Amino acid sequence: LPSSARYYHALRGPNAGDTLATLAVLDSLALPRSPPLLRFLLGPRSAPPEPPLRSATPVASLLVQAVDKFRLNAEQAEVCRRVA
């Protein structure tokens, strides 16, 4: 590659449409022994409650580590800061 070549990285999230379609097919199969997590995915009301968040989590320092580790650019770092 020429010395002026730039490298770009992207984050890609899950495609909810594909995931929901897959879950619907699994639900319609009426498997004799369904995967243990399937009932929680198909019926979120039956899922166990989420654990409480620890208030002492050092979010700021973890954010700095993530930005450095993954070499995020300024825009990516700002998005992470907003959701942290």
N, C-alpha and C. Protein backbone atom coordinates (compact mmCIF):
# COMPACT_ATOMS: atom_id res chain seq x y z
N LEU A 1 0.83 -1.19 0.00
CA LEU A 1 0.00 0.00 0.00
C LEU A 1 0.88 1.24 0.00
N PRO A 2 0.44 2.27 -0.67
CA PRO A 2 1.22 3.51 -0.64
C PRO A 2 1.25 4.09 0.77
N SER A 3 2.27 4.90 1.01
CA SER A 3 2.43 5.47 2.36
C SER A 3 1.28 6.41 2.73
N SER A 4 0.55 6.89 1.74
CA SER A 4 -0.57 7.79 2.04
C SER A 4 -1.87 7.03 2.29
N ALA A 5 -1.83 5.71 2.25
CA ALA A 5 -3.04 4.92 2.47
C ALA A 5 -3.56 5.12 3.88
N ARG A 6 -4.86 5.18 4.00
CA ARG A 6 -5.49 5.35 5.31
C ARG A 6 -6.28 4.09 5.64
N TYR A 7 -6.33 3.79 6.91
CA TYR A 7 -7.07 2.64 7.36
C TYR A 7 -8.31 3.10 8.09
N TYR A 8 -9.43 2.48 7.79
CA TYR A 8 -10.69 2.84 8.43
C TYR A 8 -11.24 1.61 9.15
N HIS A 9 -11.79 1.84 10.31
CA HIS A 9 -12.39 0.78 11.09
C HIS A 9 -13.83 1.16 11.37
N ALA A 10 -14.68 0.17 11.47
CA ALA A 10 -16.10 0.43 11.74
C ALA A 10 -16.62 -0.57 12.75
N LEU A 11 -17.60 -0.14 13.49
CA LEU A 11 -18.30 -1.03 14.42
C LEU A 11 -19.61 -1.42 13.77
N ARG A 12 -19.93 -2.69 13.87
CA ARG A 12 -21.19 -3.16 13.28
C ARG A 12 -22.00 -3.85 14.35
N GLY A 13 -23.23 -3.44 14.46
CA GLY A 13 -24.12 -4.02 15.45
C GLY A 13 -24.93 -5.16 14.86
N PRO A 14 -25.68 -5.84 15.69
CA PRO A 14 -26.49 -6.96 15.21
C PRO A 14 -27.64 -6.48 14.34
N ASN A 15 -28.08 -7.34 13.45
CA ASN A 15 -29.23 -7.05 12.62
C ASN A 15 -30.45 -7.65 13.32
N ALA A 16 -31.27 -6.81 13.91
CA ALA A 16 -32.41 -7.29 14.71
C ALA A 16 -33.39 -8.08 13.86
N GLY A 17 -33.56 -7.73 12.60
CA GLY A 17 -34.50 -8.44 11.75
C GLY A 17 -34.12 -9.90 11.59
N ASP A 18 -32.84 -10.16 11.34
CA ASP A 18 -32.37 -11.54 11.21
C ASP A 18 -32.49 -12.29 12.53
N THR A 19 -32.14 -11.64 13.61
CA THR A 19 -32.19 -12.28 14.92
C THR A 19 -33.62 -12.65 15.29
N LEU A 20 -34.55 -11.74 15.08
CA LEU A 20 -35.95 -12.02 15.41
C LEU A 20 -36.51 -13.13 14.52
N ALA A 21 -36.12 -13.13 13.25
CA ALA A 21 -36.59 -14.19 12.35
C ALA A 21 -36.04 -15.55 12.80
N THR A 22 -34.80 -15.59 13.20
CA THR A 22 -34.21 -16.84 13.69
C THR A 22 -34.92 -17.33 14.94
N LEU A 23 -35.21 -16.43 15.86
CA LEU A 23 -35.92 -16.81 17.08
C LEU A 23 -37.32 -17.31 16.77
N ALA A 24 -37.99 -16.70 15.82
CA ALA A 24 -39.33 -17.13 15.45
C ALA A 24 -39.30 -18.55 14.87
N VAL A 25 -38.30 -18.85 14.05
CA VAL A 25 -38.18 -20.19 13.49
C VAL A 25 -37.91 -21.20 14.61
N LEU A 26 -37.01 -20.87 15.53
CA LEU A 26 -36.73 -21.78 16.64
C LEU A 26 -37.98 -22.03 17.48
N ASP A 27 -38.76 -20.99 17.69
CA ASP A 27 -39.99 -21.13 18.48
C ASP A 27 -41.00 -22.03 17.77
N SER A 28 -41.07 -21.92 16.45
CA SER A 28 -42.05 -22.71 15.69
C SER A 28 -41.66 -24.18 15.56
N LEU A 29 -40.42 -24.53 15.82
CA LEU A 29 -39.99 -25.92 15.68
C LEU A 29 -40.51 -26.84 16.77
N ALA A 30 -40.89 -26.30 17.89
CA ALA A 30 -41.38 -27.08 19.03
C ALA A 30 -40.40 -28.21 19.36
N LEU A 31 -39.18 -27.81 19.61
CA LEU A 31 -38.14 -28.78 19.92
C LEU A 31 -38.44 -29.51 21.23
N PRO A 32 -38.16 -30.82 21.31
CA PRO A 32 -38.40 -31.54 22.56
C PRO A 32 -37.51 -31.01 23.69
N ARG A 33 -36.29 -30.65 23.36
CA ARG A 33 -35.38 -30.05 24.35
C ARG A 33 -34.86 -28.76 23.75
N SER A 34 -35.49 -27.67 24.08
CA SER A 34 -35.07 -26.40 23.51
C SER A 34 -33.82 -25.89 24.22
N PRO A 35 -33.05 -25.06 23.54
CA PRO A 35 -31.87 -24.47 24.19
C PRO A 35 -32.29 -23.73 25.46
N PRO A 36 -31.48 -23.80 26.53
CA PRO A 36 -31.89 -23.24 27.82
C PRO A 36 -32.20 -21.75 27.82
N LEU A 37 -31.57 -20.98 26.96
CA LEU A 37 -31.82 -19.53 26.97
C LEU A 37 -32.97 -19.13 26.06
N LEU A 38 -33.44 -20.06 25.23
CA LEU A 38 -34.48 -19.71 24.26
C LEU A 38 -35.73 -19.17 24.92
N ARG A 39 -36.18 -19.76 26.02
CA ARG A 39 -37.41 -19.27 26.66
C ARG A 39 -37.24 -17.85 27.19
N PHE A 40 -36.02 -17.48 27.59
CA PHE A 40 -35.80 -16.11 28.06
C PHE A 40 -35.77 -15.13 26.90
N LEU A 41 -35.28 -15.59 25.74
CA LEU A 41 -35.24 -14.72 24.57
C LEU A 41 -36.63 -14.51 23.99
N LEU A 42 -37.44 -15.56 24.01
CA LEU A 42 -38.78 -15.47 23.44
C LEU A 42 -39.79 -14.84 24.39
N GLY A 43 -39.57 -14.96 25.68
CA GLY A 43 -40.49 -14.40 26.67
C GLY A 43 -39.73 -13.55 27.66
N PRO A 44 -39.35 -12.33 27.28
CA PRO A 44 -38.51 -11.52 28.18
C PRO A 44 -39.13 -11.26 29.54
N ARG A 45 -40.45 -11.39 29.66
CA ARG A 45 -41.08 -11.17 30.96
C ARG A 45 -40.69 -12.25 31.96
N SER A 46 -40.29 -13.41 31.43
CA SER A 46 -39.90 -14.50 32.32
C SER A 46 -38.39 -14.50 32.61
N ALA A 47 -37.69 -13.54 32.03
CA ALA A 47 -36.25 -13.46 32.24
C ALA A 47 -35.96 -13.02 33.67
N PRO A 48 -34.84 -13.48 34.22
CA PRO A 48 -34.49 -13.03 35.56
C PRO A 48 -34.20 -11.53 35.57
N PRO A 49 -34.41 -10.86 36.69
CA PRO A 49 -34.16 -9.41 36.73
C PRO A 49 -32.69 -9.11 36.53
N GLU A 50 -32.44 -7.93 35.95
CA GLU A 50 -31.06 -7.52 35.72
C GLU A 50 -30.40 -7.23 37.07
N PRO A 51 -29.11 -7.54 37.17
CA PRO A 51 -28.42 -7.22 38.42
C PRO A 51 -28.31 -5.70 38.59
N PRO A 52 -28.34 -5.22 39.82
CA PRO A 52 -28.23 -3.77 40.02
C PRO A 52 -26.86 -3.27 39.59
N LEU A 53 -26.85 -2.05 39.07
CA LEU A 53 -25.58 -1.45 38.67
C LEU A 53 -24.80 -1.02 39.90
N ARG A 54 -23.52 -1.24 39.84
CA ARG A 54 -22.68 -0.80 40.95
C ARG A 54 -22.36 0.68 40.74
N SER A 55 -22.61 1.48 41.74
CA SER A 55 -22.38 2.91 41.60
C SER A 55 -20.89 3.27 41.65
N ALA A 56 -20.06 2.34 42.12
CA ALA A 56 -18.64 2.64 42.24
C ALA A 56 -17.85 2.27 40.98
N THR A 57 -18.54 1.96 39.88
CA THR A 57 -17.85 1.60 38.65
C THR A 57 -17.10 2.81 38.10
N PRO A 58 -15.82 2.68 37.87
CA PRO A 58 -15.03 3.81 37.37
C PRO A 58 -15.22 3.99 35.86
N VAL A 59 -16.38 4.49 35.47
CA VAL A 59 -16.73 4.60 34.06
C VAL A 59 -15.73 5.48 33.31
N ALA A 60 -15.34 6.59 33.89
CA ALA A 60 -14.44 7.51 33.21
C ALA A 60 -13.10 6.85 32.88
N SER A 61 -12.54 6.13 33.83
CA SER A 61 -11.24 5.50 33.58
C SER A 61 -11.38 4.35 32.59
N LEU A 62 -12.49 3.61 32.66
CA LEU A 62 -12.72 2.54 31.68
C LEU A 62 -12.90 3.10 30.28
N LEU A 63 -13.54 4.25 30.18
CA LEU A 63 -13.74 4.89 28.89
C LEU A 63 -12.41 5.31 28.28
N VAL A 64 -11.54 5.89 29.09
CA VAL A 64 -10.21 6.29 28.61
C VAL A 64 -9.44 5.06 28.12
N GLN A 65 -9.52 3.97 28.87
CA GLN A 65 -8.83 2.73 28.47
C GLN A 65 -9.37 2.21 27.15
N ALA A 66 -10.68 2.24 26.97
CA ALA A 66 -11.29 1.74 25.74
C ALA A 66 -10.90 2.60 24.54
N VAL A 67 -10.91 3.91 24.72
CA VAL A 67 -10.53 4.82 23.64
C VAL A 67 -9.08 4.57 23.23
N ASP A 68 -8.21 4.39 24.19
CA ASP A 68 -6.80 4.12 23.89
C ASP A 68 -6.61 2.74 23.27
N LYS A 69 -7.26 1.73 23.86
CA LYS A 69 -7.07 0.35 23.41
C LYS A 69 -7.52 0.16 21.96
N PHE A 70 -8.67 0.74 21.62
CA PHE A 70 -9.22 0.54 20.28
C PHE A 70 -8.88 1.69 19.33
N ARG A 71 -8.05 2.62 19.79
CA ARG A 71 -7.59 3.76 18.98
C ARG A 71 -8.75 4.45 18.27
N LEU A 72 -9.76 4.82 19.08
CA LEU A 72 -10.93 5.48 18.52
C LEU A 72 -10.58 6.89 18.10
N ASN A 73 -11.22 7.34 17.02
CA ASN A 73 -11.01 8.73 16.61
C ASN A 73 -11.88 9.64 17.49
N ALA A 74 -11.77 10.93 17.29
CA ALA A 74 -12.46 11.89 18.16
C ALA A 74 -13.98 11.71 18.13
N GLU A 75 -14.55 11.45 16.95
CA GLU A 75 -16.00 11.28 16.86
C GLU A 75 -16.47 10.01 17.57
N GLN A 76 -15.73 8.93 17.40
CA GLN A 76 -16.09 7.68 18.06
C GLN A 76 -15.97 7.83 19.58
N ALA A 77 -14.91 8.50 20.03
CA ALA A 77 -14.73 8.71 21.46
C ALA A 77 -15.86 9.56 22.04
N GLU A 78 -16.31 10.55 21.28
CA GLU A 78 -17.40 11.40 21.76
C GLU A 78 -18.70 10.61 21.89
N VAL A 79 -18.98 9.72 20.94
CA VAL A 79 -20.18 8.88 21.02
C VAL A 79 -20.10 8.01 22.27
N CYS A 80 -18.95 7.44 22.54
CA CYS A 80 -18.79 6.60 23.74
C CYS A 80 -18.99 7.42 25.01
N ARG A 81 -18.48 8.64 25.03
CA ARG A 81 -18.64 9.50 26.21
C ARG A 81 -20.11 9.82 26.46
N ARG A 82 -20.86 10.05 25.39
CA ARG A 82 -22.28 10.41 25.53
C ARG A 82 -23.11 9.27 26.08
N VAL A 83 -22.76 8.04 25.76
CA VAL A 83 -23.56 6.91 26.22
C VAL A 83 -23.03 6.31 27.52
N ALA A 84 -21.87 6.74 27.96
CA ALA A 84 -21.27 6.17 29.18
C ALA A 84 -22.02 6.60 30.41
